[in-house]
PDB file of all heavy atoms in Angstrom:
ATOM      1  N   VAL A   1      59.678 -61.261-203.717  1.00  0.00           N
ATOM      2  CA  VAL A   1      59.325 -59.953-204.267  1.00  0.00           C
ATOM      3  C   VAL A   1      59.437 -58.785-203.236  1.00  0.00           C
ATOM      4  O   VAL A   1      59.957 -57.787-203.489  1.00  0.00           O
ATOM      5  CB  VAL A   1      57.968 -60.019-204.897  1.00  0.00           C
ATOM      6  CG1 VAL A   1      57.629 -58.680-205.461  1.00  0.00           C
ATOM      7  CG2 VAL A   1      57.882 -61.106-206.010  1.00  0.00           C
ATOM      8  N   ALA A   2      58.911 -59.147-201.975  1.00  0.00           N
ATOM      9  CA  ALA A   2      58.956 -57.958-201.020  1.00  0.00           C
ATOM     10  C   ALA A   2      60.295 -57.713-200.518  1.00  0.00           C
ATOM     11  O   ALA A   2      60.704 -56.490-200.609  1.00  0.00           O
ATOM     12  CB  ALA A   2      58.104 -58.410-199.770  1.00  0.00           C
ATOM     13  N   PRO A   3      61.159 -58.626-200.153  1.00  0.00           N
ATOM     14  CA  PRO A   3      62.560 -58.243-199.744  1.00  0.00           C
ATOM     15  C   PRO A   3      63.386 -57.777-200.909  1.00  0.00           C
ATOM     16  O   PRO A   3      64.195 -56.857-200.780  1.00  0.00           O
ATOM     17  CB  PRO A   3      63.155 -59.595-199.158  1.00  0.00           C
ATOM     18  CG  PRO A   3      62.243 -60.631-199.705  1.00  0.00           C
ATOM     19  CD  PRO A   3      60.903 -60.044-199.783  1.00  0.00           C
ATOM     20  N   GLN A   4      63.097 -58.295-202.144  1.00  0.00           N
ATOM     21  CA  GLN A   4      63.750 -57.831-203.267  1.00  0.00           C
ATOM     22  C   GLN A   4      63.516 -56.388-203.555  1.00  0.00           C
ATOM     23  O   GLN A   4      64.378 -55.571-203.838  1.00  0.00           O
ATOM     24  CB  GLN A   4      63.132 -58.670-204.454  1.00  0.00           C
ATOM     25  CG  GLN A   4      63.652 -58.387-205.818  1.00  0.00           C
ATOM     26  CD  GLN A   4      62.943 -59.345-206.840  1.00  0.00           C
ATOM     27  OE1 GLN A   4      61.754 -59.464-206.867  1.00  0.00           O
ATOM     28  NE2 GLN A   4      63.724 -59.997-207.570  1.00  0.00           N
ATOM     29  N   THR A   5      62.240 -55.907-203.267  1.00  0.00           N
ATOM     30  CA  THR A   5      61.834 -54.572-203.380  1.00  0.00           C
ATOM     31  C   THR A   5      62.486 -53.686-202.351  1.00  0.00           C
ATOM     32  O   THR A   5      63.146 -52.637-202.684  1.00  0.00           O
ATOM     33  CB  THR A   5      60.352 -54.431-203.292  1.00  0.00           C
ATOM     34  OG1 THR A   5      59.691 -55.237-204.340  1.00  0.00           O
ATOM     35  CG2 THR A   5      59.882 -52.964-203.506  1.00  0.00           C
ATOM     36  N   HIS A   6      62.346 -54.031-201.138  1.00  0.00           N
ATOM     37  CA  HIS A   6      62.839 -53.149-200.009  1.00  0.00           C
ATOM     38  C   HIS A   6      64.356 -53.086-200.044  1.00  0.00           C
ATOM     39  O   HIS A   6      64.901 -51.954-199.861  1.00  0.00           O
ATOM     40  CB  HIS A   6      62.403 -53.756-198.691  1.00  0.00           C
ATOM     41  CG  HIS A   6      60.939 -53.692-198.509  1.00  0.00           C
ATOM     42  ND1 HIS A   6      60.278 -52.529-198.422  1.00  0.00           N
ATOM     43  CD2 HIS A   6      60.016 -54.703-198.166  1.00  0.00           C
ATOM     44  CE1 HIS A   6      58.920 -52.835-198.259  1.00  0.00           C
ATOM     45  NE2 HIS A   6      58.792 -54.117-198.003  1.00  0.00           N
ATOM     46  N   LEU A   7      65.044 -54.127-200.268  1.00  0.00           N
ATOM     47  CA  LEU A   7      66.502 -54.102-200.343  1.00  0.00           C
ATOM     48  C   LEU A   7      67.052 -53.417-201.535  1.00  0.00           C
ATOM     49  O   LEU A   7      68.067 -52.740-201.488  1.00  0.00           O
ATOM     50  CB  LEU A   7      67.005 -55.564-200.267  1.00  0.00           C
ATOM     51  CG  LEU A   7      66.789 -56.299-198.948  1.00  0.00           C
ATOM     52  CD1 LEU A   7      67.224 -57.778-199.113  1.00  0.00           C
ATOM     53  CD2 LEU A   7      67.561 -55.623-197.811  1.00  0.00           C
ATOM     54  N   THR A   8      66.315 -53.448-202.697  1.00  0.00           N
ATOM     55  CA  THR A   8      66.782 -52.690-203.849  1.00  0.00           C
ATOM     56  C   THR A   8      66.736 -51.171-203.605  1.00  0.00           C
ATOM     57  O   THR A   8      67.594 -50.394-203.905  1.00  0.00           O
ATOM     58  CB  THR A   8      65.924 -53.051-205.112  1.00  0.00           C
ATOM     59  OG1 THR A   8      66.180 -54.440-205.433  1.00  0.00           O
ATOM     60  CG2 THR A   8      66.322 -52.167-206.304  1.00  0.00           C
ATOM     61  N   ILE A   9      65.547 -50.810-202.957  1.00  0.00           N
ATOM     62  CA  ILE A   9      65.402 -49.401-202.555  1.00  0.00           C
ATOM     63  C   ILE A   9      66.541 -48.929-201.604  1.00  0.00           C
ATOM     64  O   ILE A   9      67.093 -47.918-201.725  1.00  0.00           O
ATOM     65  CB  ILE A   9      63.993 -49.112-201.980  1.00  0.00           C
ATOM     66  CG1 ILE A   9      62.959 -49.347-203.051  1.00  0.00           C
ATOM     67  CG2 ILE A   9      63.878 -47.723-201.418  1.00  0.00           C
ATOM     68  CD1 ILE A   9      61.521 -49.329-202.412  1.00  0.00           C
ATOM     69  N   ALA A  10      66.760 -49.854-200.676  1.00  0.00           N
ATOM     70  CA  ALA A  10      67.824 -49.529-199.692  1.00  0.00           C
ATOM     71  C   ALA A  10      69.209 -49.317-200.312  1.00  0.00           C
ATOM     72  O   ALA A  10      69.987 -48.522-200.034  1.00  0.00           O
ATOM     73  CB  ALA A  10      67.833 -50.568-198.599  1.00  0.00           C
ATOM     74  N   ALA A  11      69.471 -50.305-201.158  1.00  0.00           N
ATOM     75  CA  ALA A  11      70.815 -50.299-201.873  1.00  0.00           C
ATOM     76  C   ALA A  11      70.909 -49.009-202.754  1.00  0.00           C
ATOM     77  O   ALA A  11      72.015 -48.394-202.779  1.00  0.00           O
ATOM     78  CB  ALA A  11      71.001 -51.536-202.814  1.00  0.00           C
ATOM     79  N   ASP A  12      69.916 -48.730-203.524  1.00  0.00           N
ATOM     80  CA  ASP A  12      69.940 -47.431-204.261  1.00  0.00           C
ATOM     81  C   ASP A  12      70.002 -46.189-203.363  1.00  0.00           C
ATOM     82  O   ASP A  12      70.626 -45.193-203.721  1.00  0.00           O
ATOM     83  CB  ASP A  12      68.649 -47.368-205.121  1.00  0.00           C
ATOM     84  CG  ASP A  12      68.787 -48.140-206.403  1.00  0.00           C
ATOM     85  OD1 ASP A  12      69.902 -48.714-206.678  1.00  0.00           O
ATOM     86  OD2 ASP A  12      67.879 -48.166-207.248  1.00  0.00           O
ATOM     87  N   GLY A  13      69.443 -46.258-202.158  1.00  0.00           N
ATOM     88  CA  GLY A  13      69.523 -45.285-201.207  1.00  0.00           C
ATOM     89  C   GLY A  13      71.033 -44.949-200.755  1.00  0.00           C
ATOM     90  O   GLY A  13      71.519 -43.827-200.695  1.00  0.00           O
ATOM     91  N   VAL A  14      71.772 -46.052-200.564  1.00  0.00           N
ATOM     92  CA  VAL A  14      73.187 -45.944-200.233  1.00  0.00           C
ATOM     93  C   VAL A  14      73.948 -45.328-201.334  1.00  0.00           C
ATOM     94  O   VAL A  14      74.701 -44.451-201.181  1.00  0.00           O
ATOM     95  CB  VAL A  14      73.775 -47.329-199.866  1.00  0.00           C
ATOM     96  CG1 VAL A  14      75.287 -47.193-199.704  1.00  0.00           C
ATOM     97  CG2 VAL A  14      73.119 -47.927-198.633  1.00  0.00           C
ATOM     98  N   LEU A  15      73.672 -45.812-202.583  1.00  0.00           N
ATOM     99  CA  LEU A  15      74.404 -45.238-203.722  1.00  0.00           C
ATOM    100  C   LEU A  15      74.031 -43.869-204.007  1.00  0.00           C
ATOM    101  O   LEU A  15      74.904 -43.063-204.434  1.00  0.00           O
ATOM    102  CB  LEU A  15      74.042 -46.145-204.962  1.00  0.00           C
ATOM    103  CG  LEU A  15      74.470 -47.639-204.849  1.00  0.00           C
ATOM    104  CD1 LEU A  15      74.010 -48.418-206.083  1.00  0.00           C
ATOM    105  CD2 LEU A  15      76.005 -47.756-204.733  1.00  0.00           C
ATOM    106  N   ALA A  16      72.842 -43.497-203.718  1.00  0.00           N
ATOM    107  CA  ALA A  16      72.465 -42.082-203.970  1.00  0.00           C
ATOM    108  C   ALA A  16      73.072 -41.128-202.972  1.00  0.00           C
ATOM    109  O   ALA A  16      73.166 -39.942-203.229  1.00  0.00           O
ATOM    110  CB  ALA A  16      70.944 -41.972-203.822  1.00  0.00           C
ATOM    111  N   SER A  17      73.546 -41.700-201.837  1.00  0.00           N
ATOM    112  CA  SER A  17      74.219 -40.793-200.851  1.00  0.00           C
ATOM    113  C   SER A  17      75.584 -40.302-201.331  1.00  0.00           C
ATOM    114  O   SER A  17      76.147 -39.322-200.741  1.00  0.00           O
ATOM    115  CB  SER A  17      74.386 -41.566-199.474  1.00  0.00           C
ATOM    116  OG  SER A  17      75.374 -42.554-199.624  1.00  0.00           O
ATOM    117  N   GLN A  18      76.113 -40.917-202.387  1.00  0.00           N
ATOM    118  CA  GLN A  18      77.410 -40.442-202.862  1.00  0.00           C
ATOM    119  C   GLN A  18      77.437 -39.012-203.187  1.00  0.00           C
ATOM    120  O   GLN A  18      78.431 -38.299-202.911  1.00  0.00           O
ATOM    121  CB  GLN A  18      77.789 -41.277-204.036  1.00  0.00           C
ATOM    122  CG  GLN A  18      78.258 -42.751-203.750  1.00  0.00           C
ATOM    123  CD  GLN A  18      78.715 -43.454-205.039  1.00  0.00           C
ATOM    124  OE1 GLN A  18      77.782 -44.005-205.809  1.00  0.00           O
ATOM    125  NE2 GLN A  18      79.922 -43.552-205.328  1.00  0.00           N
ATOM    126  N   SER A  19      76.433 -38.622-203.933  1.00  0.00           N
ATOM    127  CA  SER A  19      76.462 -37.113-204.413  1.00  0.00           C
ATOM    128  C   SER A  19      76.329 -36.171-203.248  1.00  0.00           C
ATOM    129  O   SER A  19      76.976 -35.093-203.248  1.00  0.00           O
ATOM    130  CB  SER A  19      75.217 -36.954-205.319  1.00  0.00           C
ATOM    131  OG  SER A  19      74.010 -37.148-204.758  1.00  0.00           O
ATOM    132  N   ARG A  20      75.566 -36.619-202.147  1.00  0.00           N
ATOM    133  CA  ARG A  20      75.472 -35.712-201.042  1.00  0.00           C
ATOM    134  C   ARG A  20      76.773 -35.648-200.271  1.00  0.00           C
ATOM    135  O   ARG A  20      77.225 -34.555-199.845  1.00  0.00           O
ATOM    136  CB  ARG A  20      74.428 -36.284-200.130  1.00  0.00           C
ATOM    137  CG  ARG A  20      72.964 -36.234-200.741  1.00  0.00           C
ATOM    138  CD  ARG A  20      71.960 -36.962-199.894  1.00  0.00           C
ATOM    139  NE  ARG A  20      70.591 -36.819-200.418  1.00  0.00           N
ATOM    140  CZ  ARG A  20      70.142 -37.464-201.471  1.00  0.00           C
ATOM    141  NH1 ARG A  20      70.935 -38.402-202.047  1.00  0.00           N
ATOM    142  NH2 ARG A  20      68.909 -37.331-201.889  1.00  0.00           N
ATOM    143  N   PHE A  21      77.420 -36.766-200.149  1.00  0.00           N
ATOM    144  CA  PHE A  21      78.831 -36.727-199.412  1.00  0.00           C
ATOM    145  C   PHE A  21      79.835 -35.998-200.287  1.00  0.00           C
ATOM    146  O   PHE A  21      80.801 -35.450-199.707  1.00  0.00           O
ATOM    147  CB  PHE A  21      79.205 -38.166-199.081  1.00  0.00           C
ATOM    148  CG  PHE A  21      78.664 -38.672-197.830  1.00  0.00           C
ATOM    149  CD1 PHE A  21      77.746 -39.670-197.801  1.00  0.00           C
ATOM    150  CD2 PHE A  21      79.099 -38.152-196.645  1.00  0.00           C
ATOM    151  CE1 PHE A  21      77.201 -40.066-196.540  1.00  0.00           C
ATOM    152  CE2 PHE A  21      78.605 -38.617-195.398  1.00  0.00           C
ATOM    153  CZ  PHE A  21      77.574 -39.581-195.371  1.00  0.00           C
ATOM    154  N   THR A  22      79.724 -36.132-201.573  1.00  0.00           N
ATOM    155  CA  THR A  22      80.661 -35.416-202.478  1.00  0.00           C
ATOM    156  C   THR A  22      80.529 -33.869-202.169  1.00  0.00           C
ATOM    157  O   THR A  22      81.615 -33.291-202.040  1.00  0.00           O
ATOM    158  CB  THR A  22      80.400 -35.725-203.962  1.00  0.00           C
ATOM    159  OG1 THR A  22      80.633 -37.155-204.164  1.00  0.00           O
ATOM    160  CG2 THR A  22      81.333 -34.924-204.856  1.00  0.00           C
ATOM    161  N   GLN A  23      79.353 -33.425-202.080  1.00  0.00           N
ATOM    162  CA  GLN A  23      79.183 -31.940-201.749  1.00  0.00           C
ATOM    163  C   GLN A  23      79.674 -31.673-200.445  1.00  0.00           C
ATOM    164  O   GLN A  23      80.211 -30.597-200.194  1.00  0.00           O
ATOM    165  CB  GLN A  23      77.702 -31.618-201.956  1.00  0.00           C
ATOM    166  CG  GLN A  23      77.225 -31.779-203.389  1.00  0.00           C
ATOM    167  CD  GLN A  23      75.774 -31.456-203.577  1.00  0.00           C
ATOM    168  OE1 GLN A  23      74.918 -32.055-202.867  1.00  0.00           O
ATOM    169  NE2 GLN A  23      75.394 -30.643-204.504  1.00  0.00           N
ATOM    170  N   ILE A  24      79.354 -32.498-199.461  1.00  0.00           N
ATOM    171  CA  ILE A  24      79.856 -32.238-198.141  1.00  0.00           C
ATOM    172  C   ILE A  24      81.380 -32.163-198.102  1.00  0.00           C
ATOM    173  O   ILE A  24      81.982 -31.358-197.427  1.00  0.00           O
ATOM    174  CB  ILE A  24      79.325 -33.300-197.089  1.00  0.00           C
ATOM    175  CG1 ILE A  24      77.762 -33.141-197.001  1.00  0.00           C
ATOM    176  CG2 ILE A  24      79.909 -33.102-195.765  1.00  0.00           C
ATOM    177  CD1 ILE A  24      77.139 -34.273-196.274  1.00  0.00           C
TER     178      ILE A  24
END
């Protein structure tokens, strides 16, 4: 549960960076 949680947040963080890089 703990690594599942942290890694899911991390993965979504990477995916969320797409919109920022698109603007850049």
